[in-house]
């Protein structure tokens, strides 16, 4: 079925394959050149949406060191037609085969296709978007446009979106009414200034995602000159790579997309080179997953925190493998669809706040979602 939607690639067009050494990533990939490679045992699959931009990223990605030889990765080429309608069944088939899709897309609205693949599977999910703005509008006319994909996700008659995390937004780009609307939904959000002070606090938000969308325009223009929506302020490249690494480490995450760039205005390949490095850091995180996602509490140590003034108790759990933290949320509904969401990723700082009888904002938002 994948052959109907994908277009093979010719690596020689963007990298000298014969010049690559065995330690480089391009030598280790199963590439769709003549036919779709055998996907048995494949763990991750690269998909390009927008041939020129995706191949430009590959030209750098293939040359990076393969420090994760245990990973089985396929490069399935580019979409035959770069549209949501073509991308959705590709992602769904990969997810159904338990293969992790890595999408390289030139436009951020392909996040909608990424989400709709889960919708077709009737799977309740958490979505995390890393972007400097929020692609949502109250204007009913503009809401129909692809660029405002949040409208289509949030306003579906039957939504499978349980929770949304927004990371890296800049307040000066966003209508205050939109921020208030998202706050009223008890979504997690973390603006750029907060990230600059506490980058590690993005990790629990990212760890809670089933799918993640990374808009390259969240990075400052001086570091990525070929973004579609540039800004002089934003993340540094090291911060973006660190967050990509957090994503790779998360056992819950099952797809990721890197979006929102072109090659027309790139300076010496600076933008696509950084995207390639972000993918590399994601792969490094993926290869070092601790397999400690708490399907149950085995392998976790419980820490009970009593709120004496309110006669309330919170259970915190710490992984013995990774030393990461979770909070347990009392779910009133008996529906099994909420079971995998009852333990909310948190930070050590959240535990310290609770120990001082201060309610972490993450806990307050989560309790509101489930009550």
Protein backbone atom coordinates (compact mmCIF):
# COMPACT_ATOMS: atom_id res chain seq x y z
CA UNK A 1 0.00 0.00 0.00
CA UNK A 2 2.83 2.40 0.80
CA UNK A 3 3.99 2.27 -2.85
CA UNK A 4 0.79 4.08 -3.82
CA UNK A 5 1.69 7.14 -1.76
CA UNK A 6 5.49 7.31 -1.75
CA UNK A 7 8.09 8.29 -4.29
CA UNK A 8 11.50 6.65 -4.28
CA UNK A 9 14.65 8.71 -3.85
CA UNK A 10 18.03 8.67 -5.57
CA UNK A 11 20.56 9.40 -2.82
CA UNK A 12 23.30 10.13 -5.36
CA UNK A 13 21.43 13.30 -6.26
CA UNK A 14 22.11 14.86 -2.86
CA UNK A 15 25.08 12.99 -1.36
CA UNK A 16 28.06 11.02 -2.66
CA UNK A 17 27.05 7.61 -1.29
CA UNK A 18 30.26 5.89 -2.38
CA UNK A 19 32.21 8.42 -0.35
CA UNK A 20 30.38 7.66 2.88
CA UNK A 21 32.17 5.53 5.45
CA UNK A 22 30.63 2.71 7.46
CA UNK A 23 30.31 4.86 10.58
CA UNK A 24 28.04 7.37 8.81
CA UNK A 25 24.27 7.17 9.05
CA UNK A 26 23.62 7.00 5.30
CA UNK A 27 25.40 3.65 5.16
CA UNK A 28 23.08 2.12 7.75
CA UNK A 29 19.67 3.13 6.38
CA UNK A 30 17.29 0.89 4.44
CA UNK A 31 16.46 3.25 1.57
CA UNK A 32 13.55 3.22 -0.86
CA UNK A 33 15.53 3.35 -4.11
CA UNK A 34 14.10 0.64 -6.36
CA UNK A 35 11.42 -0.86 -4.14
CA UNK A 36 10.03 -0.37 -0.66
CA UNK A 37 12.56 -2.01 1.70
CA UNK A 38 11.57 -4.94 3.86
CA UNK A 39 10.09 -3.31 6.96
CA UNK A 40 10.33 -6.35 9.20
CA UNK A 41 12.21 -5.27 12.31
CA UNK A 42 12.28 -1.62 11.25
CA UNK A 43 11.78 0.72 14.23
CA UNK A 44 11.69 4.14 12.59
CA UNK A 45 10.89 5.45 9.12
CA UNK A 46 11.81 8.80 7.56
CA UNK A 47 9.21 10.43 5.28
CA UNK A 48 9.77 13.57 3.24
CA UNK A 49 6.90 15.97 2.56
CA UNK A 50 8.19 18.43 -0.01
CA UNK A 51 10.95 16.80 -2.06
CA UNK A 52 13.43 19.68 -2.25
CA UNK A 53 13.42 20.55 1.46
CA UNK A 54 13.46 16.92 2.63
CA UNK A 55 16.32 15.93 0.31
CA UNK A 56 18.31 18.96 1.46
CA UNK A 57 18.01 17.72 5.05
CA UNK A 58 19.02 14.23 3.95
CA UNK A 59 22.20 15.61 2.34
CA UNK A 60 23.45 16.48 5.84
CA UNK A 61 21.70 13.75 7.82
CA UNK A 62 23.29 10.95 5.79
CA UNK A 63 26.75 12.28 6.60
CA UNK A 64 26.32 12.37 10.38
CA UNK A 65 27.90 9.75 12.59
CA UNK A 66 25.80 6.68 13.24
CA UNK A 67 26.29 6.22 16.97
CA UNK A 68 23.10 4.17 17.21
CA UNK A 69 23.89 1.02 15.16
CA UNK A 70 21.27 -0.97 17.08
CA UNK A 71 18.46 1.11 15.57
CA UNK A 72 16.80 -0.18 12.42
CA UNK A 73 15.82 2.84 10.32
CA UNK A 74 14.22 3.04 6.89
CA UNK A 75 14.14 6.07 4.61
CA UNK A 76 10.89 5.67 2.70
CA UNK A 77 11.46 8.60 0.37
CA UNK A 78 9.02 11.42 -0.27
CA UNK A 79 5.27 11.66 -0.65
CA UNK A 80 4.24 11.32 -4.28
CA UNK A 81 1.96 14.29 -3.65
CA UNK A 82 2.68 16.56 -0.66
CA UNK A 83 -0.83 16.80 0.75
CA UNK A 84 -2.53 15.89 4.02
CA UNK A 85 -4.72 13.37 2.20
CA UNK A 86 -1.63 11.41 1.10
CA UNK A 87 0.30 11.77 4.36
CA UNK A 88 -2.50 10.52 6.64
CA UNK A 89 -2.66 6.90 5.36
CA UNK A 90 1.15 6.65 5.30
CA UNK A 91 1.44 7.63 8.96
CA UNK A 92 -1.46 5.39 9.93
CA UNK A 93 0.01 2.33 8.21
CA UNK A 94 3.36 2.89 9.91
CA UNK A 95 1.71 3.33 13.31
CA UNK A 96 -0.34 0.18 12.75
CA UNK A 97 2.93 -1.64 12.03
CA UNK A 98 4.50 -0.18 15.20
CA UNK A 99 7.01 1.82 13.15
CA UNK A 100 7.83 5.33 14.37
CA UNK A 101 7.32 7.97 11.61
CA UNK A 102 9.81 10.85 11.38
CA UNK A 103 8.24 13.45 9.09
CA UNK A 104 10.33 16.13 7.39
CA UNK A 105 7.82 18.68 6.12
CA UNK A 106 8.22 22.10 4.59
CA UNK A 107 4.96 23.45 6.05
CA UNK A 108 3.65 23.29 9.60
CA UNK A 109 0.05 22.52 8.67
CA UNK A 110 1.08 18.90 8.04
CA UNK A 111 0.68 18.59 11.81
CA UNK A 112 -3.03 18.20 11.05
CA UNK A 113 -2.34 15.05 8.99
CA UNK A 114 -0.11 13.73 11.74
CA UNK A 115 -2.96 14.10 14.23
CA UNK A 116 -5.66 12.79 11.87
CA UNK A 117 -3.76 9.51 11.47
CA UNK A 118 -4.30 8.93 15.19
CA UNK A 119 -7.90 10.07 14.87
CA UNK A 120 -8.53 7.34 12.29
CA UNK A 121 -7.15 4.82 14.78
CA UNK A 122 -9.64 6.15 17.36
CA UNK A 123 -6.76 6.62 19.77
CA UNK A 124 -6.99 9.17 22.57
CA UNK A 125 -3.78 11.20 22.40
CA UNK A 126 -1.75 14.06 23.79
CA UNK A 127 -0.30 16.46 21.22
CA UNK A 128 2.68 18.73 21.89
CA UNK A 129 3.52 21.57 19.51
CA UNK A 130 6.78 23.52 19.68
CA UNK A 131 6.24 26.81 17.90
CA UNK A 132 6.65 30.55 18.43
CA UNK A 133 2.98 31.19 17.72
CA UNK A 134 -0.35 29.37 17.95
CA UNK A 135 -2.00 28.38 14.66
CA UNK A 136 -5.52 29.18 15.77
CA UNK A 137 -7.99 31.97 14.98
CA UNK A 138 -11.41 33.18 16.08
CA UNK A 139 -12.06 34.40 12.53
CA UNK A 140 -14.49 31.87 11.00
CA UNK A 141 -13.29 32.59 7.46
CA UNK A 142 -9.59 32.14 8.22
CA UNK A 143 -10.37 29.13 10.40
CA UNK A 144 -10.98 27.14 7.22
CA UNK A 145 -7.38 27.62 6.08
CA UNK A 146 -4.79 24.91 6.65
CA UNK A 147 -2.46 27.28 8.48
CA UNK A 148 -4.93 27.44 11.37
CA UNK A 149 -4.85 23.69 11.90
CA UNK A 150 -5.68 23.95 15.62
CA UNK A 151 -9.20 25.02 14.65
CA UNK A 152 -9.72 21.77 12.76
CA UNK A 153 -8.28 19.69 15.59
CA UNK A 154 -10.16 21.36 18.45
CA UNK A 155 -13.48 21.82 16.68
CA UNK A 156 -14.04 18.29 15.38
CA UNK A 157 -17.38 16.74 16.27
CA UNK A 158 -15.61 13.72 17.74
CA UNK A 159 -12.16 14.58 19.01
CA UNK A 160 -9.55 12.13 20.22
CA UNK A 161 -7.36 14.91 21.60
CA UNK A 162 -7.09 14.50 25.35
CA UNK A 163 -4.47 17.14 26.00
CA UNK A 164 -2.31 19.73 24.26
CA UNK A 165 1.08 21.15 25.18
CA UNK A 166 2.44 24.38 23.68
CA UNK A 167 6.14 25.13 24.02
CA UNK A 168 8.17 28.14 22.93
CA UNK A 169 5.43 30.63 22.08
CA UNK A 170 6.15 34.36 22.14
CA UNK A 171 3.38 36.48 23.62
CA UNK A 172 3.96 39.42 21.28
CA UNK A 173 2.86 37.30 18.31
CA UNK A 174 -0.40 36.03 19.82
CA UNK A 175 -3.88 37.45 20.32
CA UNK A 176 -4.40 37.56 24.13
CA UNK A 177 -7.88 36.08 23.61
CA UNK A 178 -6.26 32.96 22.14
CA UNK A 179 -3.94 32.59 25.11
CA UNK A 180 -6.90 32.94 27.46
CA UNK A 181 -8.87 30.37 25.49
CA UNK A 182 -6.04 27.83 25.69
CA UNK A 183 -5.55 28.56 29.37
CA UNK A 184 -9.25 27.90 29.99
CA UNK A 185 -8.80 24.48 28.37
CA UNK A 186 -6.17 23.59 31.02
CA UNK A 187 -3.58 23.00 28.30
CA UNK A 188 0.10 23.06 29.20
CA UNK A 189 1.97 26.00 27.77
CA UNK A 190 5.47 27.36 28.24
CA UNK A 191 6.60 30.61 26.72
CA UNK A 192 10.07 31.33 25.41
CA UNK A 193 11.21 33.33 28.45
CA UNK A 194 10.35 30.48 30.80
CA UNK A 195 12.29 28.05 28.63
CA UNK A 196 15.33 30.30 28.71
CA UNK A 197 15.28 30.16 32.52
CA UNK A 198 14.41 26.46 32.92
CA UNK A 199 14.91 24.42 29.76
CA UNK A 200 14.60 21.16 31.71
CA UNK A 201 10.98 22.01 32.56
CA UNK A 202 10.05 21.34 28.91
CA UNK A 203 10.96 17.67 29.36
CA UNK A 204 7.83 16.56 31.30
CA UNK A 205 5.56 18.27 28.74
CA UNK A 206 7.39 16.55 25.87
CA UNK A 207 7.39 13.23 27.74
CA UNK A 208 3.59 13.35 27.97
CA UNK A 209 3.14 13.55 24.18
CA UNK A 210 1.97 10.78 21.87
CA UNK A 211 2.83 12.93 18.86
CA UNK A 212 5.06 15.97 18.61
CA UNK A 213 5.20 18.75 16.03
CA UNK A 214 8.30 20.95 15.87
CA UNK A 215 8.02 24.18 13.84
CA UNK A 216 11.55 25.32 12.97
CA UNK A 217 10.46 28.96 13.13
CA UNK A 218 10.57 28.66 16.95
CA UNK A 219 14.36 28.97 16.51
CA UNK A 220 15.78 32.46 16.04
CA UNK A 221 16.32 33.63 12.46
CA UNK A 222 20.09 34.09 12.87
CA UNK A 223 20.36 30.33 13.39
CA UNK A 224 17.78 29.20 10.80
CA UNK A 225 17.59 31.81 8.01
CA UNK A 226 15.32 29.67 5.81
CA UNK A 227 12.27 29.38 8.07
CA UNK A 228 8.92 30.22 6.52
CA UNK A 229 8.00 32.58 9.33
CA UNK A 230 11.26 34.01 10.72
CA UNK A 231 11.77 36.00 13.93
CA UNK A 232 14.89 37.61 15.43
CA UNK A 233 14.06 36.02 18.80
CA UNK A 234 13.62 32.37 19.60
CA UNK A 235 15.37 29.22 20.74
CA UNK A 236 19.07 28.70 20.28
CA UNK A 237 20.09 25.70 18.19
CA UNK A 238 21.49 23.88 21.24
CA UNK A 239 18.15 24.27 23.04
CA UNK A 240 16.27 22.90 20.01
CA UNK A 241 18.59 19.88 19.83
CA UNK A 242 18.15 19.25 23.55
CA UNK A 243 14.36 19.26 23.21
CA UNK A 244 14.61 16.88 20.24
CA UNK A 245 16.68 14.61 22.48
CA UNK A 246 13.99 14.78 25.18
CA UNK A 247 11.49 13.67 22.55
CA UNK A 248 13.59 10.69 21.58
CA UNK A 249 13.86 9.57 25.19
CA UNK A 250 10.08 9.48 25.69
CA UNK A 251 8.67 5.95 25.50
CA UNK A 252 5.17 7.36 25.03
CA UNK A 253 5.97 9.32 21.86
CA UNK A 254 5.12 7.47 18.64
CA UNK A 255 5.63 10.09 15.89
CA UNK A 256 7.46 13.38 15.34
CA UNK A 257 7.40 16.01 12.62
CA UNK A 258 9.94 18.73 11.80
CA UNK A 259 8.18 21.45 9.82
CA UNK A 260 8.21 25.01 8.55
CA UNK A 261 11.36 25.63 6.48
CA UNK A 262 12.45 25.92 2.86
CA UNK A 263 15.75 25.99 0.98
CA UNK A 264 15.29 29.13 -1.09
CA UNK A 265 16.69 31.55 1.49
CA UNK A 266 19.06 29.18 3.26
CA UNK A 267 22.58 30.37 3.97
CA UNK A 268 25.16 27.68 3.16
CA UNK A 269 22.63 25.03 4.12
CA UNK A 270 22.54 26.34 7.68
CA UNK A 271 18.83 25.66 8.29
CA UNK A 272 18.64 22.17 6.82
CA UNK A 273 21.91 21.26 8.51
CA UNK A 274 20.38 22.13 11.88
CA UNK A 275 17.23 20.15 11.11
CA UNK A 276 19.46 17.16 10.33
CA UNK A 277 21.25 17.60 13.66
CA UNK A 278 17.92 17.81 15.50
CA UNK A 279 16.89 14.50 13.93
CA UNK A 280 20.25 13.04 14.96
CA UNK A 281 19.72 14.12 18.59
CA UNK A 282 16.22 12.66 18.48
CA UNK A 283 17.63 9.33 17.24
CA UNK A 284 20.26 9.39 19.98
CA UNK A 285 17.50 9.85 22.57
CA UNK A 286 15.42 7.08 20.97
CA UNK A 287 18.35 4.67 21.14
CA UNK A 288 18.71 5.43 24.85
CA UNK A 289 15.09 5.01 25.89
CA UNK A 290 14.81 3.56 29.38
CA UNK A 291 11.55 1.70 28.76
CA UNK A 292 10.20 3.10 32.00
CA UNK A 293 6.89 4.49 30.76
CA UNK A 294 4.63 3.60 33.69
CA UNK A 295 2.06 1.17 32.32
CA UNK A 296 2.00 0.21 35.98
CA UNK A 297 4.10 1.21 38.98
CA UNK A 298 6.65 -1.59 38.69
CA UNK A 299 10.15 -0.13 38.79
CA UNK A 300 8.89 3.09 40.40
CA UNK A 301 9.43 4.36 43.92
CA UNK A 302 6.46 6.08 45.55
CA UNK A 303 6.76 9.33 47.49
CA UNK A 304 3.66 10.47 49.34
CA UNK A 305 3.15 14.18 50.00
CA UNK A 306 0.55 15.30 52.53
CA UNK A 307 -1.17 18.67 52.32
CA UNK A 308 -1.97 19.07 55.98
CA UNK A 309 -4.09 22.19 55.66
CA UNK A 310 -6.43 20.64 53.09
CA UNK A 311 -6.35 16.97 54.15
CA UNK A 312 -5.10 16.00 50.69
CA UNK A 313 -2.40 13.58 49.57
CA UNK A 314 -0.48 13.28 46.30
CA UNK A 315 1.50 10.26 45.14
CA UNK A 316 4.72 11.02 43.27
CA UNK A 317 6.59 8.23 41.52
CA UNK A 318 10.27 8.17 40.60
CA UNK A 319 11.75 5.81 38.02
CA UNK A 320 14.64 3.68 39.25
CA UNK A 321 15.98 3.50 35.68
CA UNK A 322 15.94 7.14 34.59
CA UNK A 323 15.22 9.07 37.82
CA UNK A 324 12.34 10.81 36.05
CA UNK A 325 9.20 11.75 37.99
CA UNK A 326 5.43 11.28 37.59
CA UNK A 327 2.40 12.48 39.56
CA UNK A 328 -0.62 10.23 40.03
CA UNK A 329 -3.96 11.79 39.13
CA UNK A 330 -7.17 10.37 40.63
CA UNK A 331 -9.38 9.65 37.61
CA UNK A 332 -13.06 9.66 38.47
CA UNK A 333 -14.12 8.03 35.20
CA UNK A 334 -13.90 4.22 35.18
CA UNK A 335 -13.35 4.19 31.44
CA UNK A 336 -10.18 2.30 30.53
CA UNK A 337 -9.35 4.90 27.88
CA UNK A 338 -7.93 7.13 30.63
CA UNK A 339 -5.75 4.48 32.27
CA UNK A 340 -2.58 5.29 30.33
CA UNK A 341 -2.92 8.98 31.18
CA UNK A 342 -3.31 8.73 34.95
CA UNK A 343 0.38 9.15 35.68
CA UNK A 344 1.36 12.65 34.58
CA UNK A 345 5.03 13.36 33.81
CA UNK A 346 6.45 15.99 36.12
CA UNK A 347 9.79 17.33 37.30
CA UNK A 348 11.69 17.08 40.55
CA UNK A 349 10.82 20.75 41.02
CA UNK A 350 7.11 19.82 41.06
CA UNK A 351 7.82 17.36 43.86
CA UNK A 352 9.71 20.03 45.81
CA UNK A 353 6.80 22.47 45.38
CA UNK A 354 4.33 19.90 46.68
CA UNK A 355 6.62 19.19 49.62
CA UNK A 356 6.22 22.88 50.53
CA UNK A 357 2.43 22.44 50.22
CA UNK A 358 2.37 24.41 46.97
CA UNK A 359 0.16 22.86 44.28
CA UNK A 360 2.15 22.42 41.04
CA UNK A 361 0.35 23.98 38.06
CA UNK A 362 0.75 20.70 36.19
CA UNK A 363 -1.27 18.93 38.88
CA UNK A 364 -4.00 21.57 38.93
CA UNK A 365 -4.44 21.43 35.13
CA UNK A 366 -4.40 17.63 35.05
CA UNK A 367 -6.95 17.31 37.84
CA UNK A 368 -9.25 19.73 35.98
CA UNK A 369 -9.01 17.62 32.81
CA UNK A 370 -10.03 14.41 34.54
CA UNK A 371 -12.63 15.75 36.97
